[in-house]
PDB file of N, CA and C in Angstrom:
ATOM      1  N   MET A   1       0.842  -1.228  -0.052  1.00  0.00           N
ATOM      2  CA  MET A   1      -0.208  -0.011  -0.043  1.00  0.00           C
ATOM      3  C   MET A   1       0.792   1.225   0.035  1.00  0.00           C
ATOM      4  N   ALA A   2       0.587   2.193  -0.913  1.00  0.00           N
ATOM      5  CA  ALA A   2       1.463   3.141  -1.127  1.00  0.00           C
ATOM      6  C   ALA A   2       0.870   4.470   0.254  1.00  0.00           C
ATOM      7  N   VAL A   3       2.089   4.811   0.717  1.00  0.00           N
ATOM      8  CA  VAL A   3       2.126   5.849   1.675  1.00  0.00           C
ATOM      9  C   VAL A   3       1.728   7.411   1.231  1.00  0.00           C
ATOM     10  N   ALA A   4       0.323   7.745   1.931  1.00  0.00           N
ATOM     11  CA  ALA A   4       0.260   9.202   1.489  1.00  0.00           C
ATOM     12  C   ALA A   4       1.153  10.240   1.428  1.00  0.00           C
ATOM     13  N   ARG A   5       1.329  11.119   0.401  1.00  0.00           N
ATOM     14  CA  ARG A   5       2.383  12.049   0.437  1.00  0.00           C
ATOM     15  C   ARG A   5       1.762  13.311   0.774  1.00  0.00           C
ATOM     16  N   LEU A   6       2.346  13.992   1.620  1.00  0.00           N
ATOM     17  CA  LEU A   6       1.779  15.193   2.318  1.00  0.00           C
ATOM     18  C   LEU A   6       2.326  16.413   1.401  1.00  0.00           C
ATOM     19  N   GLY A   7       1.414  17.479   1.526  1.00  0.00           N
ATOM     20  CA  GLY A   7       1.837  18.748   0.805  1.00  0.00           C
ATOM     21  C   GLY A   7       2.119  19.607   2.235  1.00  0.00           C
ATOM     22  N   GLU A   8       2.458  20.621   1.677  1.00  0.00           N
ATOM     23  CA  GLU A   8       3.253  21.595   2.990  1.00  0.00           C
ATOM     24  C   GLU A   8       2.200  21.892   4.024  1.00  0.00           C
ATOM     25  N   LEU A   9       1.031  22.128   3.654  1.00  0.00           N
ATOM     26  CA  LEU A   9      -0.302  22.556   4.654  1.00  0.00           C
ATOM     27  C   LEU A   9      -0.358  21.441   5.138  1.00  0.00           C
ATOM     28  N   GLU A  10      -0.232  19.804   4.387  1.00  0.00           N
ATOM     29  CA  GLU A  10      -1.312  18.822   5.150  1.00  0.00           C
ATOM     30  C   GLU A  10       0.082  18.329   6.265  1.00  0.00           C
ATOM     31  N   ARG A  11       1.396  18.692   5.999  1.00  0.00           N
ATOM     32  CA  ARG A  11       2.520  18.351   7.011  1.00  0.00           C
ATOM     33  C   ARG A  11       2.484  19.411   8.176  1.00  0.00           C
ATOM     34  N   ALA A  12       2.108  20.401   7.992  1.00  0.00           N
ATOM     35  CA  ALA A  12       1.798  21.414   9.132  1.00  0.00           C
ATOM     36  C   ALA A  12       0.645  21.155   9.951  1.00  0.00           C
ATOM     37  N   VAL A  13      -0.418  20.532   9.412  1.00  0.00           N
ATOM     38  CA  VAL A  13      -1.538  20.220  10.273  1.00  0.00           C
ATOM     39  C   VAL A  13      -1.392  18.947  10.640  1.00  0.00           C
ATOM     40  N   MET A  14      -0.348  17.851  10.420  1.00  0.00           N
ATOM     41  CA  MET A  14      -0.027  16.836  11.093  1.00  0.00           C
ATOM     42  C   MET A  14       1.296  17.229  12.138  1.00  0.00           C
ATOM     43  N   GLU A  15       1.695  18.031  12.119  1.00  0.00           N
ATOM     44  CA  GLU A  15       2.667  18.585  12.971  1.00  0.00           C
ATOM     45  C   GLU A  15       2.016  19.002  14.337  1.00  0.00           C
ATOM     46  N   VAL A  16       0.854  19.628  14.130  1.00  0.00           N
ATOM     47  CA  VAL A  16      -0.468  19.860  15.258  1.00  0.00           C
ATOM     48  C   VAL A  16      -1.001  18.844  15.677  1.00  0.00           C
ATOM     49  N   LEU A  17      -1.174  17.805  15.035  1.00  0.00           N
ATOM     50  CA  LEU A  17      -1.500  16.506  15.628  1.00  0.00           C
ATOM     51  C   LEU A  17      -0.723  15.721  16.061  1.00  0.00           C
ATOM     52  N   TRP A  18       0.464  15.403  15.570  1.00  0.00           N
ATOM     53  CA  TRP A  18       1.617  14.598  16.042  1.00  0.00           C
ATOM     54  C   TRP A  18       2.106  15.286  17.628  1.00  0.00           C
ATOM     55  N   ALA A  19       1.854  16.659  17.856  1.00  0.00           N
ATOM     56  CA  ALA A  19       2.463  17.276  19.010  1.00  0.00           C
ATOM     57  C   ALA A  19       1.083  17.046  20.084  1.00  0.00           C
ATOM     58  N   ARG A  20       0.058  16.601  19.779  1.00  0.00           N
ATOM     59  CA  ARG A  20      -0.847  16.427  20.822  1.00  0.00           C
ATOM     60  C   ARG A  20      -1.131  14.961  21.121  1.00  0.00           C
ATOM     61  N   ASP A  21      -1.370  14.926  22.428  1.00  0.00           N
ATOM     62  CA  ASP A  21      -1.777  13.587  23.169  1.00  0.00           C
ATOM     63  C   ASP A  21      -3.081  13.113  23.249  1.00  0.00           C
ATOM     64  N   GLU A  22      -4.001  13.844  22.280  1.00  0.00           N
ATOM     65  CA  GLU A  22      -5.132  13.291  22.276  1.00  0.00           C
ATOM     66  C   GLU A  22      -6.018  13.904  21.212  1.00  0.00           C
ATOM     67  N   PRO A  23      -7.301  13.408  20.672  1.00  0.00           N
ATOM     68  CA  PRO A  23      -7.897  13.640  19.608  1.00  0.00           C
ATOM     69  C   PRO A  23      -8.105  15.436  19.723  1.00  0.00           C
ATOM     70  N   VAL A  24      -8.215  16.208  18.421  1.00  0.00           N
ATOM     71  CA  VAL A  24      -8.271  17.790  18.817  1.00  0.00           C
ATOM     72  C   VAL A  24      -9.333  18.126  17.551  1.00  0.00           C
ATOM     73  N   SER A  25      -9.903  19.177  17.834  1.00  0.00           N
ATOM     74  CA  SER A  25     -11.002  19.638  16.794  1.00  0.00           C
ATOM     75  C   SER A  25     -10.459  20.558  15.798  1.00  0.00           C
ATOM     76  N   VAL A  26     -11.171  20.600  14.725  1.00  0.00           N
ATOM     77  CA  VAL A  26     -10.653  21.697  13.596  1.00  0.00           C
ATOM     78  C   VAL A  26     -10.598  22.820  14.169  1.00  0.00           C
ATOM     79  N   ARG A  27     -11.218  23.386  15.220  1.00  0.00           N
ATOM     80  CA  ARG A  27     -11.070  24.622  16.041  1.00  0.00           C
ATOM     81  C   ARG A  27      -9.434  24.784  16.292  1.00  0.00           C
ATOM     82  N   ALA A  28      -9.281  23.774  17.021  1.00  0.00           N
ATOM     83  CA  ALA A  28      -7.863  23.747  17.859  1.00  0.00           C
ATOM     84  C   ALA A  28      -6.650  23.539  16.920  1.00  0.00           C
ATOM     85  N   VAL A  29      -6.721  23.014  15.929  1.00  0.00           N
ATOM     86  CA  VAL A  29      -5.848  22.993  14.838  1.00  0.00           C
ATOM     87  C   VAL A  29      -5.907  24.370  14.273  1.00  0.00           C
ATOM     88  N   HIS A  30      -7.052  25.154  13.743  1.00  0.00           N
ATOM     89  CA  HIS A  30      -7.199  26.301  13.296  1.00  0.00           C
ATOM     90  C   HIS A  30      -6.584  27.129  14.126  1.00  0.00           C
ATOM     91  N   ALA A  31      -6.701  27.443  15.459  1.00  0.00           N
ATOM     92  CA  ALA A  31      -5.771  28.050  16.058  1.00  0.00           C
ATOM     93  C   ALA A  31      -4.351  27.811  16.569  1.00  0.00           C
ATOM     94  N   ALA A  32      -4.011  26.685  16.342  1.00  0.00           N
ATOM     95  CA  ALA A  32      -2.368  26.307  16.253  1.00  0.00           C
ATOM     96  C   ALA A  32      -1.948  26.722  15.015  1.00  0.00           C
ATOM     97  N   LEU A  33      -2.251  26.916  13.781  1.00  0.00           N
ATOM     98  CA  LEU A  33      -1.932  27.344  12.891  1.00  0.00           C
ATOM     99  C   LEU A  33      -2.503  28.842  12.603  1.00  0.00           C
ATOM    100  N   GLY A  34      -2.752  29.691  13.576  1.00  0.00           N
ATOM    101  CA  GLY A  34      -3.371  30.768  13.433  1.00  0.00           C
ATOM    102  C   GLY A  34      -2.180  32.089  12.818  1.00  0.00           C
ATOM    103  N   ASP A  35      -1.003  31.598  13.027  1.00  0.00           N
ATOM    104  CA  ASP A  35       0.132  32.494  12.415  1.00  0.00           C
ATOM    105  C   ASP A  35       0.299  32.497  10.878  1.00  0.00           C
ATOM    106  N   ARG A  36      -0.561  31.425  10.219  1.00  0.00           N
ATOM    107  CA  ARG A  36      -0.521  30.945   8.723  1.00  0.00           C
ATOM    108  C   ARG A  36      -1.567  32.256   8.039  1.00  0.00           C
ATOM    109  N   GLY A  37      -2.511  32.667   9.022  1.00  0.00           N
ATOM    110  CA  GLY A  37      -3.711  33.426   8.315  1.00  0.00           C
ATOM    111  C   GLY A  37      -4.760  32.407   7.339  1.00  0.00           C
ATOM    112  N   LEU A  38      -4.837  31.332   7.741  1.00  0.00           N
ATOM    113  CA  LEU A  38      -5.534  30.184   7.177  1.00  0.00           C
ATOM    114  C   LEU A  38      -7.186  30.442   7.629  1.00  0.00           C
ATOM    115  N   ALA A  39      -7.988  30.045   6.562  1.00  0.00           N
ATOM    116  CA  ALA A  39      -9.401  30.216   6.847  1.00  0.00           C
ATOM    117  C   ALA A  39      -9.840  28.779   7.730  1.00  0.00           C
ATOM    118  N   TYR A  40     -10.721  28.683   8.632  1.00  0.00           N
ATOM    119  CA  TYR A  40     -11.104  27.590   9.246  1.00  0.00           C
ATOM    120  C   TYR A  40     -11.626  26.567   8.256  1.00  0.00           C
ATOM    121  N   THR A  41     -12.310  27.132   7.057  1.00  0.00           N
ATOM    122  CA  THR A  41     -12.631  26.163   6.222  1.00  0.00           C
ATOM    123  C   THR A  41     -11.673  25.476   5.664  1.00  0.00           C
ATOM    124  N   THR A  42     -10.593  26.270   5.249  1.00  0.00           N
ATOM    125  CA  THR A  42      -9.023  25.582   4.774  1.00  0.00           C
ATOM    126  C   THR A  42      -8.824  24.438   5.683  1.00  0.00           C
ATOM    127  N   VAL A  43      -8.574  24.596   6.898  1.00  0.00           N
ATOM    128  CA  VAL A  43      -8.261  23.705   7.865  1.00  0.00           C
ATOM    129  C   VAL A  43      -9.229  22.379   8.083  1.00  0.00           C
ATOM    130  N   MET A  44     -10.527  22.536   7.833  1.00  0.00           N
ATOM    131  CA  MET A  44     -11.331  21.713   7.856  1.00  0.00           C
ATOM    132  C   MET A  44     -11.210  20.862   6.721  1.00  0.00           C
ATOM    133  N   THR A  45     -11.012  21.537   5.425  1.00  0.00           N
ATOM    134  CA  THR A  45     -10.934  20.689   4.221  1.00  0.00           C
ATOM    135  C   THR A  45      -9.680  19.783   4.465  1.00  0.00           C
ATOM    136  N   VAL A  46      -8.512  20.453   4.582  1.00  0.00           N
ATOM    137  CA  VAL A  46      -7.175  19.688   4.732  1.00  0.00           C
ATOM    138  C   VAL A  46      -7.430  18.486   5.521  1.00  0.00           C
ATOM    139  N   LEU A  47      -8.106  18.637   6.935  1.00  0.00           N
ATOM    140  CA  LEU A  47      -8.214  17.246   7.621  1.00  0.00           C
ATOM    141  C   LEU A  47      -9.261  16.384   7.181  1.00  0.00           C
ATOM    142  N   THR A  48     -10.163  16.834   6.506  1.00  0.00           N
ATOM    143  CA  THR A  48     -11.156  16.073   5.912  1.00  0.00           C
ATOM    144  C   THR A  48     -10.271  15.220   4.866  1.00  0.00           C
ATOM    145  N   ARG A  49      -9.775  15.741   3.898  1.00  0.00           N
ATOM    146  CA  ARG A  49      -8.661  15.263   3.092  1.00  0.00           C
ATOM    147  C   ARG A  49      -7.549  14.256   3.322  1.00  0.00           C
ATOM    148  N   LEU A  50      -7.044  14.552   4.951  1.00  0.00           N
ATOM    149  CA  LEU A  50      -6.070  13.488   5.488  1.00  0.00           C
ATOM    150  C   LEU A  50      -6.912  12.408   6.050  1.00  0.00           C
ATOM    151  N   ALA A  51      -8.232  12.669   6.501  1.00  0.00           N
ATOM    152  CA  ALA A  51      -9.039  11.282   6.761  1.00  0.00           C
ATOM    153  C   ALA A  51      -9.668  10.384   5.566  1.00  0.00           C
ATOM    154  N   ALA A  52      -9.764  11.037   4.362  1.00  0.00           N
ATOM    155  CA  ALA A  52      -9.984  10.580   3.094  1.00  0.00           C
ATOM    156  C   ALA A  52      -8.715   9.752   2.895  1.00  0.00           C
ATOM    157  N   LYS A  53      -7.230  10.257   2.943  1.00  0.00           N
ATOM    158  CA  LYS A  53      -6.245   9.530   2.841  1.00  0.00           C
ATOM    159  C   LYS A  53      -5.948   8.418   3.910  1.00  0.00           C
ATOM    160  N   GLY A  54      -6.692   8.468   4.772  1.00  0.00           N
ATOM    161  CA  GLY A  54      -6.109   7.608   5.779  1.00  0.00           C
ATOM    162  C   GLY A  54      -4.805   7.405   6.991  1.00  0.00           C
ATOM    163  N   VAL A  55      -4.645   9.078   6.773  1.00  0.00           N
ATOM    164  CA  VAL A  55      -3.572   9.377   7.457  1.00  0.00           C
ATOM    165  C   VAL A  55      -3.831   9.794   8.898  1.00  0.00           C
ATOM    166  N   VAL A  56      -5.204  10.317   8.872  1.00  0.00           N
ATOM    167  CA  VAL A  56      -5.743  10.443  10.620  1.00  0.00           C
ATOM    168  C   VAL A  56      -6.960   9.903  10.509  1.00  0.00           C
ATOM    169  N   ARG A  57      -7.756   9.519  11.576  1.00  0.00           N
ATOM    170  CA  ARG A  57      -8.906   9.156  11.729  1.00  0.00           C
ATOM    171  C   ARG A  57      -9.730  10.150  12.315  1.00  0.00           C
ATOM    172  N   ARG A  58     -11.219  10.180  12.638  1.00  0.00           N
ATOM    173  CA  ARG A  58     -11.865  11.315  12.859  1.00  0.00           C
ATOM    174  C   ARG A  58     -13.241  10.679  13.924  1.00  0.00           C
ATOM    175  N   ARG A  59     -13.704  11.159  14.700  1.00  0.00           N
ATOM    176  CA  ARG A  59     -14.872  10.743  15.344  1.00  0.00           C
ATOM    177  C   ARG A  59     -15.564  11.821  15.904  1.00  0.00           C
ATOM    178  N   ARG A  60     -16.722  11.343  15.988  1.00  0.00           N
ATOM    179  CA  ARG A  60     -17.866  12.809  16.353  1.00  0.00           C
ATOM    180  C   ARG A  60     -17.810  12.995  17.806  1.00  0.00           C
ATOM    181  N   ASP A  61     -17.892  14.457  18.290  1.00  0.00           N
ATOM    182  CA  ASP A  61     -17.874  14.586  19.736  1.00  0.00           C
ATOM    183  C   ASP A  61     -18.743  15.660  19.766  1.00  0.00           C
ATOM    184  N   GLY A  62     -20.236  15.367  19.825  1.00  0.00           N
ATOM    185  CA  GLY A  62     -21.413  16.259  19.685  1.00  0.00           C
ATOM    186  C   GLY A  62     -21.523  16.863  18.315  1.00  0.00           C
ATOM    187  N   ARG A  63     -21.317  17.776  17.961  1.00  0.00           N
ATOM    188  CA  ARG A  63     -21.369  18.623  16.699  1.00  0.00           C
ATOM    189  C   ARG A  63     -19.913  18.713  15.902  1.00  0.00           C
ATOM    190  N   ALA A  64     -18.704  18.548  16.775  1.00  0.00           N
ATOM    191  CA  ALA A  64     -17.515  18.506  16.422  1.00  0.00           C
ATOM    192  C   ALA A  64     -16.996  17.539  15.852  1.00  0.00           C
ATOM    193  N   TRP A  65     -16.167  17.330  14.846  1.00  0.00           N
ATOM    194  CA  TRP A  65     -15.329  16.198  14.661  1.00  0.00           C
ATOM    195  C   TRP A  65     -13.833  16.456  15.356  1.00  0.00           C
ATOM    196  N   LEU A  66     -13.497  15.438  15.971  1.00  0.00           N
ATOM    197  CA  LEU A  66     -11.977  15.127  16.585  1.00  0.00           C
ATOM    198  C   LEU A  66     -11.583  14.183  15.678  1.00  0.00           C
ATOM    199  N   TYR A  67      -9.969  14.741  15.642  1.00  0.00           N
ATOM    200  CA  TYR A  67      -9.040  14.384  14.659  1.00  0.00           C
ATOM    201  C   TYR A  67      -7.634  13.767  15.432  1.00  0.00           C
ATOM    202  N   GLU A  68      -7.421  12.771  14.970  1.00  0.00           N
ATOM    203  CA  GLU A  68      -6.124  12.077  15.702  1.00  0.00           C
ATOM    204  C   GLU A  68      -5.158  11.673  14.540  1.00  0.00           C
ATOM    205  N   PRO A  69      -3.832  11.254  14.607  1.00  0.00           N
ATOM    206  CA  PRO A  69      -3.029  10.659  13.549  1.00  0.00           C
ATOM    207  C   PRO A  69      -3.368   9.158  13.737  1.00  0.00           C
ATOM    208  N   GLU A  70      -3.353   8.667  12.424  1.00  0.00           N
ATOM    209  CA  GLU A  70      -3.438   6.973  12.473  1.00  0.00           C
ATOM    210  C   GLU A  70      -2.346   6.483  13.034  1.00  0.00           C
ATOM    211  N   ALA A  71      -1.158   7.185  12.837  1.00  0.00           N
ATOM    212  CA  ALA A  71       0.347   6.516  13.332  1.00  0.00           C
ATOM    213  C   ALA A  71       1.393   7.717  13.949  1.00  0.00           C
ATOM    214  N   GLY A  72       2.155   7.381  14.303  1.00  0.00           N
ATOM    215  CA  GLY A  72       2.975   8.486  14.957  1.00  0.00           C
ATOM    216  C   GLY A  72       3.981   9.124  13.763  1.00  0.00           C
ATOM    217  N   ARG A  73       4.691  10.039  13.762  1.00  0.00           N
ATOM    218  CA  ARG A  73       5.564  10.647  13.096  1.00  0.00           C
ATOM    219  C   ARG A  73       6.606   9.825  12.585  1.00  0.00           C
ATOM    220  N   GLU A  74       7.040   8.784  13.462  1.00  0.00           N
ATOM    221  CA  GLU A  74       8.179   7.892  13.047  1.00  0.00           C
ATOM    222  C   GLU A  74       7.733   6.713  12.532  1.00  0.00           C
ATOM    223  N   ALA A  75       6.400   6.377  12.512  1.00  0.00           N
ATOM    224  CA  ALA A  75       6.054   5.314  11.888  1.00  0.00           C
ATOM    225  C   ALA A  75       5.733   5.814  10.614  1.00  0.00           C
ATOM    226  N   TYR A  76       5.092   7.075  10.542  1.00  0.00           N
ATOM    227  CA  TYR A  76       4.897   7.777   9.070  1.00  0.00           C
ATOM    228  C   TYR A  76       6.449   7.871   8.353  1.00  0.00           C
ATOM    229  N   VAL A  77       7.185   8.408   8.813  1.00  0.00           N
ATOM    230  CA  VAL A  77       8.428   8.654   8.092  1.00  0.00           C
ATOM    231  C   VAL A  77       8.906   7.162   7.695  1.00  0.00           C
ATOM    232  N   ALA A  78       8.952   6.290   8.716  1.00  0.00           N
ATOM    233  CA  ALA A  78       9.616   4.882   8.376  1.00  0.00           C
ATOM    234  C   ALA A  78       8.734   4.405   7.104  1.00  0.00           C
ATOM    235  N   GLU A  79       7.629   4.460   6.908  1.00  0.00           N
ATOM    236  CA  GLU A  79       6.829   3.832   5.984  1.00  0.00           C
ATOM    237  C   GLU A  79       7.185   4.793   4.625  1.00  0.00           C
ATOM    238  N   LEU A  80       7.548   5.866   4.665  1.00  0.00           N
ATOM    239  CA  LEU A  80       8.057   6.421   3.392  1.00  0.00           C
ATOM    240  C   LEU A  80       9.324   6.288   3.050  1.00  0.00           C
ATOM    241  N   MET A  81      10.316   5.843   3.844  1.00  0.00           N
ATOM    242  CA  MET A  81      11.757   5.411   3.461  1.00  0.00           C
ATOM    243  C   MET A  81      11.224   3.843   3.077  1.00  0.00           C
ATOM    244  N   LEU A  82      10.400   3.185   3.673  1.00  0.00           N
ATOM    245  CA  LEU A  82      10.214   1.749   2.871  1.00  0.00           C
ATOM    246  C   LEU A  82       9.456   1.711   1.378  1.00  0.00           C
ATOM    247  N   GLU A  83       8.957   2.972   1.260  1.00  0.00           N
ATOM    248  CA  GLU A  83       8.325   3.022  -0.100  1.00  0.00           C
ATOM    249  C   GLU A  83       9.385   3.349  -1.054  1.00  0.00           C
ATOM    250  N   ALA A  84      10.104   4.114  -0.608  1.00  0.00           N
ATOM    251  CA  ALA A  84      11.361   4.785  -1.342  1.00  0.00           C
ATOM    252  C   ALA A  84      12.282   3.505  -1.638  1.00  0.00           C
ATOM    253  N   LEU A  85      12.613   2.901  -0.869  1.00  0.00           N
ATOM    254  CA  LEU A  85      13.334   1.491  -0.981  1.00  0.00           C
ATOM    255  C   LEU A  85      12.666   0.546  -2.147  1.00  0.00           C
ATOM    256  N   GLU A  86      11.397   0.423  -2.189  1.00  0.00           N
ATOM    257  CA  GLU A  86      10.802  -0.215  -2.981  1.00  0.00           C
ATOM    258  C   GLU A  86      11.039   0.437  -4.377  1.00  0.00           C
ATOM    259  N   LEU A  87      11.102   1.748  -4.527  1.00  0.00           N
ATOM    260  CA  LEU A  87      11.265   2.300  -6.020  1.00  0.00           C
ATOM    261  C   LEU A  87      12.835   2.023  -6.445  1.00  0.00           C
ATOM    262  N   SER A  88      13.600   1.858  -5.631  1.00  0.00           N
ATOM    263  CA  SER A  88      14.839   1.621  -6.024  1.00  0.00           C
ATOM    264  C   SER A  88      14.897   0.353  -6.816  1.00  0.00           C
ATOM    265  N   GLY A  89      15.925   0.119  -8.055  1.00  0.00           N
ATOM    266  CA  GLY A  89      16.126  -1.201  -8.405  1.00  0.00           C
ATOM    267  C   GLY A  89      16.674  -2.323  -7.441  1.00  0.00           C
ATOM    268  N   ASP A  90      17.419  -1.480  -6.517  1.00  0.00           N
ATOM    269  CA  ASP A  90      18.542  -2.460  -5.685  1.00  0.00           C
ATOM    270  C   ASP A  90      18.394  -1.655  -4.058  1.00  0.00           C
ATOM    271  N   ARG A  91      17.743  -2.577  -3.845  1.00  0.00           N
ATOM    272  CA  ARG A  91      17.349  -2.162  -2.217  1.00  0.00           C
ATOM    273  C   ARG A  91      18.598  -2.075  -1.547  1.00  0.00           C
ATOM    274  N   GLY A  92      19.061  -3.149  -1.633  1.00  0.00           N
ATOM    275  CA  GLY A  92      20.921  -3.112  -0.845  1.00  0.00           C
ATOM    276  C   GLY A  92      21.693  -2.037  -1.474  1.00  0.00           C
ATOM    277  N   SER A  93      21.631  -1.510  -2.562  1.00  0.00           N
ATOM    278  CA  SER A  93      22.749  -0.499  -2.822  1.00  0.00           C
ATOM    279  C   SER A  93      21.863   0.919  -1.902  1.00  0.00           C
ATOM    280  N   ALA A  94      20.523   0.920  -2.171  1.00  0.00           N
ATOM    281  CA  ALA A  94      20.104   2.088  -1.614  1.00  0.00           C
ATOM    282  C   ALA A  94      20.405   2.354  -0.065  1.00  0.00           C
ATOM    283  N   LEU A  95      20.037   1.067   0.460  1.00  0.00           N
ATOM    284  CA  LEU A  95      20.638   1.078   1.824  1.00  0.00           C
ATOM    285  C   LEU A  95      21.942   1.414   2.349  1.00  0.00           C
ATOM    286  N   VAL A  96      23.015   0.764   1.320  1.00  0.00           N
ATOM    287  CA  VAL A  96      24.163   1.480   1.618  1.00  0.00           C
ATOM    288  C   VAL A  96      24.722   2.760   1.546  1.00  0.00           C
ATOM    289  N   HIS A  97      23.910   3.235   0.386  1.00  0.00           N
ATOM    290  CA  HIS A  97      24.125   4.783   0.229  1.00  0.00           C
ATOM    291  C   HIS A  97      23.425   5.561   1.255  1.00  0.00           C
ATOM    292  N   PHE A  98      22.231   5.112   1.741  1.00  0.00           N
ATOM    293  CA  PHE A  98      21.510   5.733   2.804  1.00  0.00           C
ATOM    294  C   PHE A  98      22.695   5.459   4.223  1.00  0.00           C
ATOM    295  N   ALA A  99      23.169   4.577   4.371  1.00  0.00           N
ATOM    296  CA  ALA A  99      24.018   4.159   5.619  1.00  0.00           C
ATOM    297  C   ALA A  99      25.149   5.168   5.596  1.00  0.00           C
ATOM    298  N   GLN A 100      25.746   5.275   4.390  1.00  0.00           N
ATOM    299  CA  GLN A 100      26.887   6.027   4.131  1.00  0.00           C
ATOM    300  C   GLN A 100      26.738   7.744   4.654  1.00  0.00           C
ATOM    301  N   SER A 101      25.200   8.130   4.352  1.00  0.00           N
ATOM    302  CA  SER A 101      25.156   9.689   4.522  1.00  0.00           C
ATOM    303  C   SER A 101      24.640   9.959   5.937  1.00  0.00           C
ATOM    304  N   VAL A 102      24.461   8.785   6.739  1.00  0.00           N
ATOM    305  CA  VAL A 102      23.842   9.168   8.228  1.00  0.00           C
ATOM    306  C   VAL A 102      25.130   9.902   9.108  1.00  0.00           C
ATOM    307  N   THR A 103      24.555  10.314   9.920  1.00  0.00           N
ATOM    308  CA  THR A 103      25.975  10.847  11.073  1.00  0.00           C
ATOM    309  C   THR A 103      26.027   9.608  11.928  1.00  0.00           C
ATOM    310  N   SER A 104      27.212   9.754  12.496  1.00  0.00           N
ATOM    311  CA  SER A 104      27.819   8.700  13.579  1.00  0.00           C
ATOM    312  C   SER A 104      26.726   8.150  14.557  1.00  0.00           C
ATOM    313  N   ASP A 105      25.967   9.395  15.330  1.00  0.00           N
ATOM    314  CA  ASP A 105      25.019   9.054  16.032  1.00  0.00           C
ATOM    315  C   ASP A 105      23.715   8.475  15.395  1.00  0.00           C
ATOM    316  N   GLU A 106      23.452   8.514  14.039  1.00  0.00           N
ATOM    317  CA  GLU A 106      22.399   7.956  13.715  1.00  0.00           C
ATOM    318  C   GLU A 106      22.595   6.632  13.201  1.00  0.00           C
ATOM    319  N   ALA A 107      23.702   6.562  12.760  1.00  0.00           N
ATOM    320  CA  ALA A 107      24.485   4.998  12.434  1.00  0.00           C
ATOM    321  C   ALA A 107      24.414   4.305  13.719  1.00  0.00           C
ATOM    322  N   ASP A 108      24.745   4.740  14.812  1.00  0.00           N
ATOM    323  CA  ASP A 108      24.570   4.198  16.243  1.00  0.00           C
ATOM    324  C   ASP A 108      23.359   3.625  16.746  1.00  0.00           C
ATOM    325  N   ALA A 109      22.477   4.525  16.341  1.00  0.00           N
ATOM    326  CA  ALA A 109      21.102   4.096  16.549  1.00  0.00           C
ATOM    327  C   ALA A 109      20.447   2.955  15.489  1.00  0.00           C
ATOM    328  N   LEU A 110      21.009   3.041  14.477  1.00  0.00           N
ATOM    329  CA  LEU A 110      20.504   1.805  13.730  1.00  0.00           C
ATOM    330  C   LEU A 110      21.209   0.481  14.005  1.00  0.00           C
ATOM    331  N   ARG A 111      22.270   0.618  14.436  1.00  0.00           N
ATOM    332  CA  ARG A 111      23.078  -0.683  15.211  1.00  0.00           C
ATOM    333  C   ARG A 111      22.583  -1.176  16.206  1.00  0.00           C
ATOM    334  N   GLN A 112      22.088  -0.186  17.062  1.00  0.00           N
ATOM    335  CA  GLN A 112      21.375  -0.727  18.292  1.00  0.00           C
ATOM    336  C   GLN A 112      20.060  -1.184  18.037  1.00  0.00           C
ATOM    337  N   ALA A 113      19.419  -0.749  16.991  1.00  0.00           N
ATOM    338  CA  ALA A 113      17.953  -1.341  16.502  1.00  0.00           C
ATOM    339  C   ALA A 113      18.265  -2.489  16.023  1.00  0.00           C
ATOM    340  N   LEU A 114      19.340  -3.020  15.372  1.00  0.00           N
ATOM    341  CA  LEU A 114      19.624  -4.414  14.555  1.00  0.00           C
ATOM    342  C   LEU A 114      19.911  -5.088  15.528  1.00  0.00           C
ATOM    343  N   ARG A 115      20.695  -4.549  16.545  1.00  0.00           N
ATOM    344  CA  ARG A 115      21.039  -5.761  17.854  1.00  0.00           C
ATOM    345  C   ARG A 115      19.920  -5.892  18.370  1.00  0.00           C
ATOM    346  N   HIS A 116      19.206  -5.299  18.761  1.00  0.00           N
ATOM    347  CA  HIS A 116      17.844  -5.359  19.782  1.00  0.00           C
ATOM    348  C   HIS A 116      16.928  -6.294  18.894  1.00  0.00           C
ATOM    349  N   ASP A 117      16.882  -6.513  17.590  1.00  0.00           N
ATOM    350  CA  ASP A 117      16.119  -6.881  16.618  1.00  0.00           C
ATOM    351  C   ASP A 117      16.522  -8.261  16.498  1.00  0.00           C
ATOM    352  N   GLU A 118      18.035  -8.511  16.771  1.00  0.00           N
ATOM    353  CA  GLU A 118      18.350  -9.925  16.477  1.00  0.00           C
ATOM    354  C   GLU A 118      18.464 -10.513  17.868  1.00  0.00           C
ATOM    355  N   GLN A 119      18.518 -10.041  19.189  1.00  0.00           N
ATOM    356  CA  GLN A 119      18.311 -10.304  20.212  1.00  0.00           C
ATOM    357  C   GLN A 119      16.869 -10.999  20.496  1.00  0.00           C
ATOM    358  N   GLY A 120      15.954  -9.937  19.983  1.00  0.00           N
ATOM    359  CA  GLY A 120      14.454 -10.563  19.914  1.00  0.00           C
ATOM    360  C   GLY A 120      14.296 -11.708  19.053  1.00  0.00           C
ATOM    361  N   GLU A 121      15.016 -12.091  18.263  1.00  0.00           N
ATOM    362  CA  GLU A 121      14.638 -13.247  17.133  1.00  0.00           C
ATOM    363  C   GLU A 121      15.166 -14.419  17.973  1.00  0.00           C
ATOM    364  N   GLN A 122      16.159 -14.251  18.569  1.00  0.00           N
ATOM    365  CA  GLN A 122      17.129 -15.324  19.302  1.00  0.00           C
ATOM    366  C   GLN A 122      16.252 -15.943  20.247  1.00  0.00           C
ATOM    367  N   THR A 123      15.296 -14.981  21.153  1.00  0.00           N
ATOM    368  CA  THR A 123      14.539 -15.513  22.291  1.00  0.00           C
ATOM    369  C   THR A 123      13.415 -16.335  22.069  1.00  0.00           C
TER     370      THR A 123
END
């Protein structure tokens, strides 16, 4: 399944949702994006489209809709990375190029995650 690509405004809306620990209303997202000068209906349309793409889920709370991300930021980015790997003709080569471009701290995080995964498979 393809991961929904987000435009600039969609990413801004998702940043608001990812920063919250609970579902939020259109009004709350609109207020959080107040410095952008967006119309309330624009924010509502973006959230509706994100729900249609399966990036957010929504539920009724009285007369208002509440929105929350389907997945966290990290899971979303990981899905984008996996999709990018699928686009390459040679996943191994793409991974090598990626690994050569990360910082030493990022490489340490990858090594630690791989060690943790290997230990999990052995038990």
